[in-house]
Protein backbone atom coordinates (compact mmCIF):
# COMPACT_ATOMS: atom_id res chain seq x y z
CA MET A 1 11.54 78.01 103.39
CA HIS A 2 12.35 74.66 105.15
CA THR A 3 14.26 76.59 107.75
CA ALA A 4 11.10 78.70 108.35
CA HIS A 5 9.02 75.63 108.63
CA LEU A 6 11.38 74.07 111.14
CA ARG A 7 11.13 77.14 113.20
CA ARG A 8 7.58 77.32 113.33
CA GLN A 9 7.30 73.53 114.14
CA ARG A 10 9.78 74.26 117.01
CA LYS A 11 7.48 77.06 118.20
CA LEU A 12 4.39 74.92 117.87
CA ARG A 13 6.05 72.25 119.75
CA ALA A 14 7.16 74.73 122.82
CA GLN A 15 3.62 76.29 122.90
CA VAL A 16 2.05 72.68 122.90
CA LEU A 17 4.43 71.73 125.78
CA SER A 18 3.87 74.91 127.58
CA VAL A 19 0.04 74.23 127.15
CA GLN A 20 0.44 70.57 128.68
CA MET A 21 2.58 71.77 131.51
CA ALA A 22 0.23 74.64 132.51
CA ILE A 23 -2.56 72.03 132.64
CA LEU A 24 -0.58 69.38 134.65
CA VAL A 25 0.47 72.21 137.18
CA LEU A 26 -3.33 73.56 137.34
CA PHE A 27 -4.33 69.83 138.09
CA PHE A 28 -2.05 69.37 140.99
CA ALA A 29 -2.69 72.68 142.24
CA LEU A 30 -6.68 72.04 142.06
CA TRP A 31 -6.16 68.65 143.70
CA GLU A 32 -4.04 70.20 146.31
CA VAL A 33 -6.67 73.00 147.17
CA ALA A 34 -9.90 70.46 146.77
CA GLY A 35 -8.04 68.07 149.29
CA ARG A 36 -7.10 70.93 152.12
CA LEU A 37 -10.55 72.52 151.75
CA LYS A 38 -12.21 69.16 152.12
CA TRP A 39 -14.14 69.21 148.59
CA ILE A 40 -12.87 65.50 148.26
CA ASP A 41 -12.62 62.81 150.39
CA VAL A 42 -8.89 62.90 151.78
CA LEU A 43 -8.96 59.39 153.09
CA LEU A 44 -9.38 58.50 149.27
CA PHE A 45 -7.31 61.08 147.54
CA SER A 46 -5.27 62.59 150.00
CA TYR A 47 -3.43 65.73 148.32
CA PRO A 48 -0.33 65.75 146.15
CA SER A 49 2.05 67.14 148.69
CA LYS A 50 1.57 64.49 151.22
CA VAL A 51 1.31 62.05 148.60
CA PHE A 52 4.83 62.95 146.95
CA ALA A 53 6.09 63.49 150.59
CA GLN A 54 5.18 59.72 151.46
CA ILE A 55 6.84 58.21 148.45
CA TRP A 56 9.83 60.44 149.20
CA LYS A 57 10.01 59.11 152.75
CA ASP A 58 9.32 55.33 151.42
CA ALA A 59 12.11 55.78 148.71
CA VAL A 60 14.68 57.29 151.18
CA SER A 61 13.96 54.22 153.72
CA GLY A 62 13.81 51.96 150.79
CA GLU A 63 10.40 50.42 151.69
CA LEU A 64 9.06 51.88 148.35
CA TRP A 65 11.26 49.26 146.28
CA GLY A 66 9.26 46.12 147.82
CA HIS A 67 6.16 47.78 147.33
CA LEU A 68 6.58 48.76 143.91
CA GLY A 69 7.82 45.12 143.20
CA VAL A 70 4.40 43.56 144.41
CA THR A 71 2.23 46.28 142.63
CA VAL A 72 4.05 45.55 139.50
CA GLY A 73 3.90 41.73 139.88
CA GLU A 74 0.13 42.16 140.69
CA THR A 75 -0.36 44.18 137.64
CA VAL A 76 1.16 41.44 135.32
CA VAL A 77 -0.61 38.61 137.18
CA GLY A 78 -4.15 40.59 136.65
CA PHE A 79 -3.07 41.45 133.05
CA LEU A 80 -2.24 37.72 132.04
CA LEU A 81 -5.24 36.38 134.11
CA GLY A 82 -7.50 38.79 132.32
CA THR A 83 -6.11 38.20 128.73
CA ILE A 84 -6.35 34.43 129.27
CA VAL A 85 -9.66 34.47 130.94
CA GLY A 86 -10.85 36.98 128.08
CA THR A 87 -9.43 34.95 125.22
CA LEU A 88 -11.17 31.66 126.72
CA LEU A 89 -14.51 33.58 126.88
CA ALA A 90 -14.07 34.90 123.35
CA VAL A 91 -13.65 31.41 122.16
CA LEU A 92 -16.64 29.87 123.88
CA ILE A 93 -18.70 32.55 122.58
CA TRP A 94 -17.17 32.09 118.93
CA TRP A 95 -17.83 28.42 119.04
CA SER A 96 -21.40 28.96 120.86
CA PRO A 97 -24.23 27.81 118.35
CA PHE A 98 -26.32 30.30 120.53
């Protein structure tokens, strides 16, 4: 009985993963088509094949890692500033009699 339950769980997990992968593939396919047929502004969104080609080119040339470091640094600084400013504003609002 327990093995049957485990078998059903594995089957369900496989089905869920299959649907998730199909949605992901469909999303990228629709994005590609939308970009190539100019349904979306390619200046802002481009299309997946071009994005992945640029990422690969930058990774191979070594340029990606510097850009990645700057992006991670900016993300951390933005998160910290947002947290500090948000906390200070919350404290001011909490202490405000109005």
